[in-house]
C-alpha atoms as a PDB file:
ATOM      1  CA  MET A   1      21.145 -57.322  -0.203  1.00  0.00           C
ATOM      2  CA  GLN A   2      21.432 -54.568  -2.733  1.00  0.00           C
ATOM      3  CA  GLN A   3      19.127 -51.705  -3.024  1.00  0.00           C
ATOM      4  CA  GLU A   4      17.733 -50.582  -6.379  1.00  0.00           C
ATOM      5  CA  SER A   5      19.155 -47.389  -7.527  1.00  0.00           C
ATOM      6  CA  ASN A   6      16.822 -44.527  -8.082  1.00  0.00           C
ATOM      7  CA  PRO A   7      18.144 -41.999 -10.621  1.00  0.00           C
ATOM      8  CA  THR A   8      15.423 -39.433  -9.612  1.00  0.00           C
ATOM      9  CA  GLN A   9      16.445 -39.487  -5.938  1.00  0.00           C
ATOM     10  CA  GLY A  10      18.814 -36.519  -6.459  1.00  0.00           C
ATOM     11  CA  LEU A  11      16.101 -34.515  -8.096  1.00  0.00           C
ATOM     12  CA  GLY A  12      13.768 -35.394  -5.313  1.00  0.00           C
ATOM     13  CA  ILE A  13      16.214 -34.305  -2.588  1.00  0.00           C
ATOM     14  CA  ALA A  14      16.949 -31.074  -4.385  1.00  0.00           C
ATOM     15  CA  SER A  15      13.306 -30.169  -4.903  1.00  0.00           C
ATOM     16  CA  LEU A  16      12.563 -30.986  -1.300  1.00  0.00           C
ATOM     17  CA  ILE A  17      15.247 -28.798  -0.033  1.00  0.00           C
ATOM     18  CA  LEU A  18      14.403 -25.953  -2.302  1.00  0.00           C
ATOM     19  CA  GLY A  19      10.759 -26.267  -1.223  1.00  0.00           C
ATOM     20  CA  ILE A  20      11.567 -26.187   2.447  1.00  0.00           C
ATOM     21  CA  LEU A  21      13.864 -23.099   1.810  1.00  0.00           C
ATOM     22  CA  SER A  22      11.087 -21.346  -0.084  1.00  0.00           C
ATOM     23  CA  ILE A  23       8.735 -21.887   2.759  1.00  0.00           C
ATOM     24  CA  VAL A  24      11.206 -20.423   5.179  1.00  0.00           C
ATOM     25  CA  PHE A  25      12.063 -17.485   2.971  1.00  0.00           C
ATOM     26  CA  ALA A  26       8.353 -16.973   2.099  1.00  0.00           C
ATOM     27  CA  ILE A  27       7.495 -16.453   5.780  1.00  0.00           C
ATOM     28  CA  VAL A  28       9.877 -13.511   5.983  1.00  0.00           C
ATOM     29  CA  PRO A  29       8.152 -10.774   3.982  1.00  0.00           C
ATOM     30  CA  CYS A  30      11.142  -9.014   2.760  1.00  0.00           C
ATOM     31  CA  THR A  31      12.641 -12.144   1.095  1.00  0.00           C
ATOM     32  CA  LEU A  32       9.553 -13.104  -0.871  1.00  0.00           C
ATOM     33  CA  LEU A  33      11.245 -12.600  -4.325  1.00  0.00           C
ATOM     34  CA  PHE A  34      13.959 -15.045  -3.204  1.00  0.00           C
ATOM     35  CA  ALA A  35      11.252 -17.533  -2.026  1.00  0.00           C
ATOM     36  CA  LEU A  36       9.465 -17.148  -5.413  1.00  0.00           C
ATOM     37  CA  VAL A  37      12.662 -18.001  -7.303  1.00  0.00           C
ATOM     38  CA  LEU A  38      13.412 -21.063  -5.040  1.00  0.00           C
ATOM     39  CA  SER A  39       9.926 -22.403  -5.177  1.00  0.00           C
ATOM     40  CA  VAL A  40       9.782 -22.191  -8.990  1.00  0.00           C
ATOM     41  CA  ILE A  41      13.029 -23.981  -9.347  1.00  0.00           C
ATOM     42  CA  GLY A  42      11.800 -26.678  -6.894  1.00  0.00           C
ATOM     43  CA  LEU A  43       8.550 -27.037  -8.898  1.00  0.00           C
ATOM     44  CA  ILE A  44      10.487 -27.454 -12.117  1.00  0.00           C
ATOM     45  CA  LEU A  45      12.874 -30.108 -10.526  1.00  0.00           C
ATOM     46  CA  SER A  46       9.853 -31.906  -9.036  1.00  0.00           C
ATOM     47  CA  ILE A  47       7.902 -31.997 -12.296  1.00  0.00           C
ATOM     48  CA  VAL A  48      10.974 -33.122 -14.245  1.00  0.00           C
ATOM     49  CA  GLY A  49      11.711 -35.817 -11.580  1.00  0.00           C
ATOM     50  CA  ILE A  50       8.110 -37.155 -11.575  1.00  0.00           C
ATOM     51  CA  ASN A  51       7.979 -37.467 -15.353  1.00  0.00           C
ATOM     52  CA  LYS A  52      11.360 -39.354 -15.248  1.00  0.00           C
ATOM     53  CA  ALA A  53      10.156 -41.506 -12.317  1.00  0.00           C
ATOM     54  CA  ASN A  54       7.002 -42.397 -14.227  1.00  0.00           C
ATOM     55  CA  ARG A  55       9.102 -43.509 -17.256  1.00  0.00           C
ATOM     56  CA  LEU A  56      11.411 -45.589 -15.074  1.00  0.00           C
ATOM     57  CA  ARG A  57       8.777 -46.766 -12.717  1.00  0.00           C
ATOM     58  CA  VAL A  58      10.617 -45.944  -9.524  1.00  0.00           C
ATOM     59  CA  ASP A  59       9.467 -44.374  -6.168  1.00  0.00           C
ATOM     60  CA  LYS A  60       8.252 -40.826  -6.366  1.00  0.00           C
ATOM     61  CA  GLY A  61       7.980 -40.064  -2.517  1.00  0.00           C
ATOM     62  CA  LEU A  62      10.806 -37.460  -2.354  1.00  0.00           C
ATOM     63  CA  LEU A  63       9.627 -35.782  -5.568  1.00  0.00           C
ATOM     64  CA  ILE A  64       5.957 -35.451  -4.454  1.00  0.00           C
ATOM     65  CA  ALA A  65       7.227 -34.045  -1.031  1.00  0.00           C
ATOM     66  CA  GLY A  66       9.324 -31.567  -2.959  1.00  0.00           C
ATOM     67  CA  LEU A  67       6.379 -30.672  -5.176  1.00  0.00           C
ATOM     68  CA  ILE A  68       4.127 -30.014  -2.181  1.00  0.00           C
ATOM     69  CA  THR A  69       6.721 -27.995  -0.262  1.00  0.00           C
ATOM     70  CA  SER A  70       7.420 -25.845  -3.360  1.00  0.00           C
ATOM     71  CA  ILE A  71       3.781 -25.258  -3.907  1.00  0.00           C
ATOM     72  CA  ILE A  72       3.311 -24.288  -0.175  1.00  0.00           C
ATOM     73  CA  GLY A  73       6.281 -21.818  -0.540  1.00  0.00           C
ATOM     74  CA  LEU A  74       4.987 -20.423  -3.816  1.00  0.00           C
ATOM     75  CA  SER A  75       1.587 -19.912  -2.220  1.00  0.00           C
ATOM     76  CA  ILE A  76       2.886 -18.127   0.864  1.00  0.00           C
ATOM     77  CA  ALA A  77       5.168 -15.815  -1.202  1.00  0.00           C
ATOM     78  CA  GLY A  78       2.266 -15.145  -3.597  1.00  0.00           C
ATOM     79  CA  LEU A  79      -0.050 -14.108  -0.719  1.00  0.00           C
ATOM     80  CA  TRP A  80       2.630 -11.696   0.627  1.00  0.00           C
ATOM     81  CA  GLY A  81       3.127 -10.407  -2.831  1.00  0.00           C
ATOM     82  CA  MET A  82      -0.577  -9.674  -3.264  1.00  0.00           C
ATOM     83  CA  ALA A  83      -0.720  -8.066   0.252  1.00  0.00           C
ATOM     84  CA  PHE A  84       2.271  -5.774  -0.535  1.00  0.00           C
ATOM     85  CA  LYS A  85       0.723  -4.910  -3.948  1.00  0.00           C
ATOM     86  CA  LYS A  86      -2.575  -3.948  -2.485  1.00  0.00           C
ATOM     87  CA  MET A  87      -0.839  -1.952   0.347  1.00  0.00           C
ATOM     88  CA  PHE A  88       1.304  -0.061  -2.196  1.00  0.00           C
ATOM     89  CA  ASP A  89      -1.594   0.539  -4.497  1.00  0.00           C
ATOM     90  CA  GLN A  90      -3.586   2.105  -1.595  1.00  0.00           C
ATOM     91  CA  ASN A  91      -0.584   4.170  -0.553  1.00  0.00           C
ATOM     92  CA  ASN A  92      -0.181   5.512  -4.143  1.00  0.00           C
ATOM     93  CA  TYR A  93      -3.884   6.289  -4.271  1.00  0.00           C
ATOM     94  CA  ARG A  94      -3.680   8.211  -1.136  1.00  0.00           C
ATOM     95  CA  GLN A  95      -0.614  10.134  -2.187  1.00  0.00           C
ATOM     96  CA  GLU A  96      -2.340  10.845  -5.535  1.00  0.00           C
ATOM     97  CA  ILE A  97      -5.348  12.322  -3.701  1.00  0.00           C
ATOM     98  CA  TYR A  98      -3.188  14.401  -1.365  1.00  0.00           C
ATOM     99  CA  TYR A  99      -1.166  15.691  -4.334  1.00  0.00           C
ATOM    100  CA  ASN A 100      -4.364  16.645  -6.252  1.00  0.00           C
ATOM    101  CA  ASP A 101      -5.952  18.235  -3.200  1.00  0.00           C
ATOM    102  CA  ASN A 102      -2.834  20.328  -2.481  1.00  0.00           C
ATOM    103  CA  GLN A 103      -2.551  21.221  -6.208  1.00  0.00           C
ATOM    104  CA  ASP A 104      -6.074  22.595  -6.190  1.00  0.00           C
ATOM    105  CA  ILE A 105      -5.291  24.655  -2.990  1.00  0.00           C
ATOM    106  CA  ASP A 106      -2.019  25.965  -4.448  1.00  0.00           C
ATOM    107  CA  ASN A 107      -3.686  26.994  -7.785  1.00  0.00           C
ATOM    108  CA  SER A 108      -6.751  28.553  -6.129  1.00  0.00           C
ATOM    109  CA  ASN A 109      -4.859  30.924  -3.857  1.00  0.00           C
ATOM    110  CA  ASP A 110      -2.629  33.353  -5.629  1.00  0.00           C
ATOM    111  CA  HIS A 111      -1.413  34.658  -2.172  1.00  0.00           C
ATOM    112  CA  THR A 112      -1.566  38.402  -3.289  1.00  0.00           C
ATOM    113  CA  VAL A 113      -3.312  41.032  -1.253  1.00  0.00           C
ATOM    114  CA  ASP A 114      -4.798  44.160  -2.827  1.00  0.00           C
ATOM    115  CA  PHE A 115      -4.340  46.780  -0.133  1.00  0.00           C
ATOM    116  CA  ASP A 116      -6.394  49.399  -1.946  1.00  0.00           C
ATOM    117  CA  THR A 117      -9.413  47.221  -2.030  1.00  0.00           C
ATOM    118  CA  LEU A 118      -8.944  46.310   1.721  1.00  0.00           C
ATOM    119  CA  ILE A 119      -8.758  50.047   2.655  1.00  0.00           C
ATOM    120  CA  LYS A 120     -11.839  50.839   0.657  1.00  0.00           C
ATOM    121  CA  GLU A 121     -13.816  47.996   2.244  1.00  0.00           C
ATOM    122  CA  ASN A 122     -12.609  49.062   5.690  1.00  0.00           C
ATOM    123  CA  ASP A 123     -13.687  52.664   5.018  1.00  0.00           C
ATOM    124  CA  LYS A 124     -17.122  51.469   3.858  1.00  0.00           C
ATOM    125  CA  THR A 125     -17.581  49.365   6.928  1.00  0.00           C
ATOM    126  CA  MET A 126     -16.540  52.242   9.231  1.00  0.00           C
ATOM    127  CA  ASP A 127     -18.901  54.576   7.444  1.00  0.00           C
ATOM    128  CA  GLU A 128     -21.771  52.179   7.853  1.00  0.00           C
ATOM    129  CA  LEU A 129     -20.970  51.757  11.476  1.00  0.00           C
ATOM    130  CA  GLU A 130     -20.902  55.524  12.083  1.00  0.00           C
ATOM    131  CA  GLU A 131     -24.329  55.904  10.392  1.00  0.00           C
ATOM    132  CA  TYR A 132     -25.721  53.194  12.542  1.00  0.00           C
ATOM    133  CA  MET A 133     -24.361  54.792  15.650  1.00  0.00           C
ATOM    134  CA  ASP A 134     -25.732  58.260  14.594  1.00  0.00           C
ATOM    135  CA  GLU A 135     -29.172  56.660  14.004  1.00  0.00           C
ATOM    136  CA  ILE A 136     -29.080  55.062  17.474  1.00  0.00           C
ATOM    137  CA  GLU A 137     -28.068  58.317  19.159  1.00  0.00           C
ATOM    138  CA  SER A 138     -30.757  60.233  17.443  1.00  0.00           C
ATOM    139  CA  LYS A 139     -33.457  58.316  19.304  1.00  0.00           C
ATOM    140  CA  PRO A 140     -34.102  59.962  22.699  1.00  0.00           C
ATOM    141  CA  GLU A 141     -34.469  56.608  24.699  1.00  0.00           C
ATOM    142  CA  ALA A 142     -31.241  55.330  23.191  1.00  0.00           C
ATOM    143  CA  ALA A 143     -29.526  58.591  24.337  1.00  0.00           C
ATOM    144  CA  LYS A 144     -30.826  58.069  27.921  1.00  0.00           C
ATOM    145  CA  ALA A 145     -29.655  54.441  27.997  1.00  0.00           C
ATOM    146  CA  ILE A 146     -26.205  55.515  26.835  1.00  0.00           C
ATOM    147  CA  ASP A 147     -26.070  58.343  29.468  1.00  0.00           C
ATOM    148  CA  LYS A 148     -26.982  55.909  32.295  1.00  0.00           C
ATOM    149  CA  LYS A 149     -23.926  53.765  31.538  1.00  0.00           C
END
C-alpha cells in the first residue's frame, strides 16, 4: 500500500508552524513585530500552497490550518499594535499639552521684581492705614473703646 505523494505538504507544515509561532509571539506584546513577520510569511506560504493544491487536486488540510493560524496570529498582533498606537498617541498628546502649558507659564513670568514699585506701593498702603487709624482715633467713642483695652 503506497500513499500518494502530496507536493504541497511541506508548504502546509511550514505555514502551520509559522502560524502557531505567530500566535505565540503575538500574545507577548513586546514581540508583536516578530509575530507580524511570521504571520505574513505563513499567510503567503498558505496561499501559494492552496493555489498549488487546487491545480494538483490534492488534500489542503494542513494548508488551511496554516492559513487559519496565520490569520489568528496576524489579528492578535494587529490588535496589540493598535492598542500600543493609541496609547502612544494619547501619551504624546498629554506631553504636548504639558509642554504648551509650561511654555505659556514660562513666557508669562519674566521673574523680575521692580523693588522701587514695591516700595512705593508699600508706602502708599502704609499711608492709607495711618489715615484710617487717625480717622478712627478722632471719633470719641472709638477712643474710649481703645482706652478700655
